Amino acid sequence: MTDDVGNLILERLRRMDDRLINIEGDMCDMKTRMAAVEEHIGGMFIAVSGVNSRLDRLTDRAQRIERRLDLTDAR
């Protein structure tokens, strides 16, 4: 009787160990994918920053052109 219980417990522990190994592999994959996503988001922030900088310069240039051509409202 005790051997049967011991075997059942060992079998259950083996199944749990196999499942944990699968979970560890999945977590490793998730970490890799998450790192790739974080790198991609970082690249997007840099790209948006560059676009904002170019837009600021374009706005400054448009304002200078308007002043030179007297297209602005005198206030």
PDB file of N, CA and C in Angstrom:
ATOM      1  N   MET A   1       0.812  -1.192   0.000  1.00  0.00           N
ATOM      2  CA  MET A   1       0.000   0.000   0.000  1.00  0.00           C
ATOM      3  C   MET A   1       0.858   1.259   0.000  1.00  0.00           C
ATOM      4  N   THR A   2       1.883   1.296   0.869  1.00  0.00           N
ATOM      5  CA  THR A   2       2.734   2.479   0.928  1.00  0.00           C
ATOM      6  C   THR A   2       3.565   2.634  -0.341  1.00  0.00           C
ATOM      7  N   ASP A   3       3.919   1.509  -0.983  1.00  0.00           N
ATOM      8  CA  ASP A   3       4.658   1.591  -2.248  1.00  0.00           C
ATOM      9  C   ASP A   3       3.794   2.222  -3.328  1.00  0.00           C
ATOM     10  N   ASP A   4       2.516   1.875  -3.341  1.00  0.00           N
ATOM     11  CA  ASP A   4       1.598   2.465  -4.327  1.00  0.00           C
ATOM     12  C   ASP A   4       1.479   3.971  -4.119  1.00  0.00           C
ATOM     13  N   VAL A   5       1.359   4.372  -2.871  1.00  0.00           N
ATOM     14  CA  VAL A   5       1.250   5.802  -2.574  1.00  0.00           C
ATOM     15  C   VAL A   5       2.553   6.507  -2.948  1.00  0.00           C
ATOM     16  N   GLY A   6       3.669   5.883  -2.609  1.00  0.00           N
ATOM     17  CA  GLY A   6       4.971   6.461  -2.954  1.00  0.00           C
ATOM     18  C   GLY A   6       5.148   6.595  -4.457  1.00  0.00           C
ATOM     19  N   ASN A   7       4.725   5.561  -5.206  1.00  0.00           N
ATOM     20  CA  ASN A   7       4.818   5.609  -6.665  1.00  0.00           C
ATOM     21  C   ASN A   7       3.917   6.697  -7.239  1.00  0.00           C
ATOM     22  N   LEU A   8       2.719   6.839  -6.691  1.00  0.00           N
ATOM     23  CA  LEU A   8       1.802   7.875  -7.144  1.00  0.00           C
ATOM     24  C   LEU A   8       2.388   9.265  -6.907  1.00  0.00           C
ATOM     25  N   ILE A   9       2.983   9.442  -5.740  1.00  0.00           N
ATOM     26  CA  ILE A   9       3.590  10.732  -5.419  1.00  0.00           C
ATOM     27  C   ILE A   9       4.766  11.019  -6.349  1.00  0.00           C
ATOM     28  N   LEU A  10       5.618  10.022  -6.573  1.00  0.00           N
ATOM     29  CA  LEU A  10       6.758  10.196  -7.475  1.00  0.00           C
ATOM     30  C   LEU A  10       6.300  10.514  -8.902  1.00  0.00           C
ATOM     31  N   GLU A  11       5.266   9.809  -9.350  1.00  0.00           N
ATOM     32  CA  GLU A  11       4.736  10.069 -10.695  1.00  0.00           C
ATOM     33  C   GLU A  11       4.196  11.488 -10.793  1.00  0.00           C
ATOM     34  N   ARG A  12       3.498  11.916  -9.780  1.00  0.00           N
ATOM     35  CA  ARG A  12       2.959  13.286  -9.747  1.00  0.00           C
ATOM     36  C   ARG A  12       4.093  14.312  -9.755  1.00  0.00           C
ATOM     37  N   LEU A  13       5.124  14.068  -8.965  1.00  0.00           N
ATOM     38  CA  LEU A  13       6.271  14.975  -8.915  1.00  0.00           C
ATOM     39  C   LEU A  13       6.991  15.032 -10.265  1.00  0.00           C
ATOM     40  N   ARG A  14       7.093  13.900 -10.949  1.00  0.00           N
ATOM     41  CA  ARG A  14       7.724  13.881 -12.276  1.00  0.00           C
ATOM     42  C   ARG A  14       6.919  14.720 -13.271  1.00  0.00           C
ATOM     43  N   ARG A  15       5.603  14.594 -13.223  1.00  0.00           N
ATOM     44  CA  ARG A  15       4.750  15.396 -14.101  1.00  0.00           C
ATOM     45  C   ARG A  15       4.919  16.889 -13.809  1.00  0.00           C
ATOM     46  N   MET A  16       4.961  17.211 -12.524  1.00  0.00           N
ATOM     47  CA  MET A  16       5.142  18.613 -12.144  1.00  0.00           C
ATOM     48  C   MET A  16       6.493  19.127 -12.626  1.00  0.00           C
ATOM     49  N   ASP A  17       7.519  18.298 -12.510  1.00  0.00           N
ATOM     50  CA  ASP A  17       8.857  18.687 -12.961  1.00  0.00           C
ATOM     51  C   ASP A  17       8.871  18.926 -14.466  1.00  0.00           C
ATOM     52  N   ASP A  18       8.223  18.053 -15.219  1.00  0.00           N
ATOM     53  CA  ASP A  18       8.145  18.233 -16.676  1.00  0.00           C
ATOM     54  C   ASP A  18       7.427  19.530 -17.034  1.00  0.00           C
ATOM     55  N   ARG A  19       6.349  19.819 -16.333  1.00  0.00           N
ATOM     56  CA  ARG A  19       5.602  21.047 -16.605  1.00  0.00           C
ATOM     57  C   ARG A  19       6.438  22.280 -16.254  1.00  0.00           C
ATOM     58  N   LEU A  20       7.181  22.207 -15.175  1.00  0.00           N
ATOM     59  CA  LEU A  20       8.034  23.331 -14.793  1.00  0.00           C
ATOM     60  C   LEU A  20       9.138  23.568 -15.822  1.00  0.00           C
ATOM     61  N   ILE A  21       9.665  22.502 -16.382  1.00  0.00           N
ATOM     62  CA  ILE A  21      10.682  22.641 -17.422  1.00  0.00           C
ATOM     63  C   ILE A  21      10.079  23.354 -18.635  1.00  0.00           C
ATOM     64  N   ASN A  22       8.855  22.984 -19.005  1.00  0.00           N
ATOM     65  CA  ASN A  22       8.177  23.655 -20.124  1.00  0.00           C
ATOM     66  C   ASN A  22       7.943  25.133 -19.813  1.00  0.00           C
ATOM     67  N   ILE A  23       7.551  25.421 -18.594  1.00  0.00           N
ATOM     68  CA  ILE A  23       7.305  26.806 -18.192  1.00  0.00           C
ATOM     69  C   ILE A  23       8.608  27.605 -18.224  1.00  0.00           C
ATOM     70  N   GLU A  24       9.705  27.015 -17.796  1.00  0.00           N
ATOM     71  CA  GLU A  24      11.000  27.701 -17.839  1.00  0.00           C
ATOM     72  C   GLU A  24      11.379  28.044 -19.270  1.00  0.00           C
ATOM     73  N   GLY A  25      11.159  27.113 -20.191  1.00  0.00           N
ATOM     74  CA  GLY A  25      11.458  27.380 -21.598  1.00  0.00           C
ATOM     75  C   GLY A  25      10.590  28.498 -22.150  1.00  0.00           C
ATOM     76  N   ASP A  26       9.312  28.467 -21.789  1.00  0.00           N
ATOM     77  CA  ASP A  26       8.403  29.528 -22.244  1.00  0.00           C
ATOM     78  C   ASP A  26       8.823  30.880 -21.682  1.00  0.00           C
ATOM     79  N   MET A  27       9.225  30.910 -20.434  1.00  0.00           N
ATOM     80  CA  MET A  27       9.644  32.175 -19.816  1.00  0.00           C
ATOM     81  C   MET A  27      10.901  32.717 -20.483  1.00  0.00           C
ATOM     82  N   CYS A  28      11.805  31.840 -20.853  1.00  0.00           N
ATOM     83  CA  CYS A  28      13.024  32.274 -21.547  1.00  0.00           C
ATOM     84  C   CYS A  28      12.653  32.907 -22.886  1.00  0.00           C
ATOM     85  N   ASP A  29      11.725  32.272 -23.606  1.00  0.00           N
ATOM     86  CA  ASP A  29      11.256  32.836 -24.876  1.00  0.00           C
ATOM     87  C   ASP A  29      10.583  34.189 -24.658  1.00  0.00           C
ATOM     88  N   MET A  30       9.772  34.293 -23.624  1.00  0.00           N
ATOM     89  CA  MET A  30       9.067  35.545 -23.342  1.00  0.00           C
ATOM     90  C   MET A  30      10.050  36.669 -22.999  1.00  0.00           C
ATOM     91  N   LYS A  31      11.089  36.342 -22.256  1.00  0.00           N
ATOM     92  CA  LYS A  31      12.098  37.352 -21.922  1.00  0.00           C
ATOM     93  C   LYS A  31      12.785  37.867 -23.185  1.00  0.00           C
ATOM     94  N   THR A  32      13.100  36.963 -24.077  1.00  0.00           N
ATOM     95  CA  THR A  32      13.748  37.353 -25.331  1.00  0.00           C
ATOM     96  C   THR A  32      12.832  38.250 -26.155  1.00  0.00           C
ATOM     97  N   ARG A  33      11.569  37.855 -26.258  1.00  0.00           N
ATOM     98  CA  ARG A  33      10.613  38.653 -27.029  1.00  0.00           C
ATOM     99  C   ARG A  33      10.386  40.010 -26.377  1.00  0.00           C
ATOM    100  N   MET A  34      10.323  40.045 -25.063  1.00  0.00           N
ATOM    101  CA  MET A  34      10.104  41.305 -24.353  1.00  0.00           C
ATOM    102  C   MET A  34      11.286  42.245 -24.557  1.00  0.00           C
ATOM    103  N   ALA A  35      12.480  41.718 -24.561  1.00  0.00           N
ATOM    104  CA  ALA A  35      13.658  42.549 -24.805  1.00  0.00           C
ATOM    105  C   ALA A  35      13.596  43.148 -26.210  1.00  0.00           C
ATOM    106  N   ALA A  36      13.151  42.354 -27.183  1.00  0.00           N
ATOM    107  CA  ALA A  36      13.030  42.863 -28.550  1.00  0.00           C
ATOM    108  C   ALA A  36      11.981  43.974 -28.625  1.00  0.00           C
ATOM    109  N   VAL A  37      10.871  43.802 -27.916  1.00  0.00           N
ATOM    110  CA  VAL A  37       9.824  44.822 -27.903  1.00  0.00           C
ATOM    111  C   VAL A  37      10.348  46.104 -27.257  1.00  0.00           C
ATOM    112  N   GLU A  38      11.066  45.977 -26.159  1.00  0.00           N
ATOM    113  CA  GLU A  38      11.617  47.155 -25.483  1.00  0.00           C
ATOM    114  C   GLU A  38      12.601  47.895 -26.389  1.00  0.00           C
ATOM    115  N   GLU A  39      13.427  47.156 -27.123  1.00  0.00           N
ATOM    116  CA  GLU A  39      14.364  47.789 -28.052  1.00  0.00           C
ATOM    117  C   GLU A  39      13.610  48.514 -29.158  1.00  0.00           C
ATOM    118  N   HIS A  40      12.564  47.900 -29.652  1.00  0.00           N
ATOM    119  CA  HIS A  40      11.769  48.512 -30.720  1.00  0.00           C
ATOM    120  C   HIS A  40      11.105  49.804 -30.223  1.00  0.00           C
ATOM    121  N   ILE A  41      10.546  49.773 -29.034  1.00  0.00           N
ATOM    122  CA  ILE A  41       9.913  50.969 -28.466  1.00  0.00           C
ATOM    123  C   ILE A  41      10.950  52.067 -28.261  1.00  0.00           C
ATOM    124  N   GLY A  42      12.136  51.711 -27.798  1.00  0.00           N
ATOM    125  CA  GLY A  42      13.199  52.695 -27.639  1.00  0.00           C
ATOM    126  C   GLY A  42      13.561  53.344 -28.963  1.00  0.00           C
ATOM    127  N   GLY A  43      13.632  52.542 -30.018  1.00  0.00           N
ATOM    128  CA  GLY A  43      13.908  53.080 -31.338  1.00  0.00           C
ATOM    129  C   GLY A  43      12.816  54.017 -31.818  1.00  0.00           C
ATOM    130  N   MET A  44      11.579  53.672 -31.481  1.00  0.00           N
ATOM    131  CA  MET A  44      10.459  54.538 -31.874  1.00  0.00           C
ATOM    132  C   MET A  44      10.529  55.879 -31.155  1.00  0.00           C
ATOM    133  N   PHE A  45      10.893  55.888 -29.884  1.00  0.00           N
ATOM    134  CA  PHE A  45      11.027  57.147 -29.148  1.00  0.00           C
ATOM    135  C   PHE A  45      12.103  58.032 -29.780  1.00  0.00           C
ATOM    136  N   ILE A  46      13.193  57.421 -30.167  1.00  0.00           N
ATOM    137  CA  ILE A  46      14.269  58.185 -30.813  1.00  0.00           C
ATOM    138  C   ILE A  46      13.781  58.759 -32.137  1.00  0.00           C
ATOM    139  N   ALA A  47      13.049  57.953 -32.907  1.00  0.00           N
ATOM    140  CA  ALA A  47      12.536  58.425 -34.199  1.00  0.00           C
ATOM    141  C   ALA A  47      11.553  59.577 -34.001  1.00  0.00           C
ATOM    142  N   VAL A  48      10.659  59.463 -33.042  1.00  0.00           N
ATOM    143  CA  VAL A  48       9.689  60.531 -32.780  1.00  0.00           C
ATOM    144  C   VAL A  48      10.407  61.792 -32.326  1.00  0.00           C
ATOM    145  N   SER A  49      11.430  61.632 -31.532  1.00  0.00           N
ATOM    146  CA  SER A  49      12.207  62.783 -31.081  1.00  0.00           C
ATOM    147  C   SER A  49      12.837  63.504 -32.273  1.00  0.00           C
ATOM    148  N   GLY A  50      13.359  62.741 -33.220  1.00  0.00           N
ATOM    149  CA  GLY A  50      13.949  63.341 -34.415  1.00  0.00           C
ATOM    150  C   GLY A  50      12.913  64.076 -35.249  1.00  0.00           C
ATOM    151  N   VAL A  51      11.737  63.503 -35.379  1.00  0.00           N
ATOM    152  CA  VAL A  51      10.666  64.154 -36.141  1.00  0.00           C
ATOM    153  C   VAL A  51      10.251  65.452 -35.455  1.00  0.00           C
ATOM    154  N   ASN A  52      10.108  65.420 -34.149  1.00  0.00           N
ATOM    155  CA  ASN A  52       9.743  66.633 -33.411  1.00  0.00           C
ATOM    156  C   ASN A  52      10.789  67.730 -33.596  1.00  0.00           C
ATOM    157  N   SER A  53      12.048  67.349 -33.586  1.00  0.00           N
ATOM    158  CA  SER A  53      13.118  68.318 -33.777  1.00  0.00           C
ATOM    159  C   SER A  53      13.038  68.948 -35.165  1.00  0.00           C
ATOM    160  N   ARG A  54      12.809  68.125 -36.169  1.00  0.00           N
ATOM    161  CA  ARG A  54      12.693  68.655 -37.530  1.00  0.00           C
ATOM    162  C   ARG A  54      11.483  69.566 -37.671  1.00  0.00           C
ATOM    163  N   LEU A  55      10.371  69.205 -37.037  1.00  0.00           N
ATOM    164  CA  LEU A  55       9.178  70.049 -37.092  1.00  0.00           C
ATOM    165  C   LEU A  55       9.428  71.396 -36.421  1.00  0.00           C
ATOM    166  N   ASP A  56      10.152  71.387 -35.314  1.00  0.00           N
ATOM    167  CA  ASP A  56      10.482  72.645 -34.638  1.00  0.00           C
ATOM    168  C   ASP A  56      11.301  73.551 -35.556  1.00  0.00           C
ATOM    169  N   ARG A  57      12.296  72.983 -36.219  1.00  0.00           N
ATOM    170  CA  ARG A  57      13.112  73.782 -37.141  1.00  0.00           C
ATOM    171  C   ARG A  57      12.287  74.296 -38.316  1.00  0.00           C
ATOM    172  N   LEU A  58      11.376  73.464 -38.814  1.00  0.00           N
ATOM    173  CA  LEU A  58      10.520  73.878 -39.921  1.00  0.00           C
ATOM    174  C   LEU A  58       9.604  75.028 -39.498  1.00  0.00           C
ATOM    175  N   THR A  59       9.079  74.958 -38.289  1.00  0.00           N
ATOM    176  CA  THR A  59       8.237  76.037 -37.767  1.00  0.00           C
ATOM    177  C   THR A  59       9.031  77.337 -37.675  1.00  0.00           C
ATOM    178  N   ASP A  60      10.248  77.243 -37.177  1.00  0.00           N
ATOM    179  CA  ASP A  60      11.102  78.441 -37.085  1.00  0.00           C
ATOM    180  C   ASP A  60      11.360  79.033 -38.469  1.00  0.00           C
ATOM    181  N   ARG A  61      11.639  78.186 -39.433  1.00  0.00           N
ATOM    182  CA  ARG A  61      11.888  78.676 -40.791  1.00  0.00           C
ATOM    183  C   ARG A  61      10.635  79.342 -41.365  1.00  0.00           C
ATOM    184  N   ALA A  62       9.472  78.750 -41.165  1.00  0.00           N
ATOM    185  CA  ALA A  62       8.225  79.331 -41.681  1.00  0.00           C
ATOM    186  C   ALA A  62       7.963  80.693 -41.040  1.00  0.00           C
ATOM    187  N   GLN A  63       8.239  80.812 -39.745  1.00  0.00           N
ATOM    188  CA  GLN A  63       8.044  82.099 -39.073  1.00  0.00           C
ATOM    189  C   GLN A  63       8.989  83.166 -39.623  1.00  0.00           C
ATOM    190  N   ARG A  64      10.242  82.798 -39.891  1.00  0.00           N
ATOM    191  CA  ARG A  64      11.190  83.750 -40.482  1.00  0.00           C
ATOM    192  C   ARG A  64      10.730  84.193 -41.864  1.00  0.00           C
ATOM    193  N   ILE A  65      10.254  83.257 -42.664  1.00  0.00           N
ATOM    194  CA  ILE A  65       9.764  83.592 -44.008  1.00  0.00           C
ATOM    195  C   ILE A  65       8.574  84.542 -43.909  1.00  0.00           C
ATOM    196  N   GLU A  66       7.643  84.251 -42.994  1.00  0.00           N
ATOM    197  CA  GLU A  66       6.477  85.125 -42.829  1.00  0.00           C
ATOM    198  C   GLU A  66       6.900  86.535 -42.423  1.00  0.00           C
ATOM    199  N   ARG A  67       7.875  86.647 -41.537  1.00  0.00           N
ATOM    200  CA  ARG A  67       8.350  87.967 -41.112  1.00  0.00           C
ATOM    201  C   ARG A  67       8.990  88.721 -42.267  1.00  0.00           C
ATOM    202  N   ARG A  68       9.808  88.039 -43.047  1.00  0.00           N
ATOM    203  CA  ARG A  68      10.490  88.690 -44.167  1.00  0.00           C
ATOM    204  C   ARG A  68       9.511  89.160 -45.245  1.00  0.00           C
ATOM    205  N   LEU A  69       8.467  88.403 -45.441  1.00  0.00           N
ATOM    206  CA  LEU A  69       7.487  88.758 -46.474  1.00  0.00           C
ATOM    207  C   LEU A  69       6.326  89.601 -45.919  1.00  0.00           C
ATOM    208  N   ASP A  70       6.444  89.976 -44.688  1.00  0.00           N
ATOM    209  CA  ASP A  70       5.386  90.751 -44.002  1.00  0.00           C
ATOM    210  C   ASP A  70       4.029  90.066 -44.112  1.00  0.00           C
ATOM    211  N   LEU A  71       4.016  88.783 -43.888  1.00  0.00           N
ATOM    212  CA  LEU A  71       2.760  88.016 -43.931  1.00  0.00           C
ATOM    213  C   LEU A  71       2.142  87.864 -42.550  1.00  0.00           C
ATOM    214  N   THR A  72       2.821  88.303 -41.537  1.00  0.00           N
ATOM    215  CA  THR A  72       2.281  88.153 -40.174  1.00  0.00           C
ATOM    216  C   THR A  72       1.438  89.347 -39.823  1.00  0.00           C
ATOM    217  N   ASP A  73       0.501  89.136 -38.947  1.00  0.00           N
ATOM    218  CA  ASP A  73      -0.338  90.228 -38.446  1.00  0.00           C
ATOM    219  C   ASP A  73       0.473  91.045 -37.459  1.00  0.00           C
ATOM    220  N   ALA A  74       0.444  92.359 -37.618  1.00  0.00           N
ATOM    221  CA  ALA A  74       1.160  93.229 -36.683  1.00  0.00           C
ATOM    222  C   ALA A  74       0.320  93.360 -35.426  1.00  0.00           C
ATOM    223  N   ARG A  75       0.858  92.886 -34.334  1.00  0.00           N
ATOM    224  CA  ARG A  75       0.135  92.943 -33.059  1.00  0.00           C
ATOM    225  C   ARG A  75       0.999  93.548 -32.002  1.00  0.00           C
TER     226      ARG A  75
END
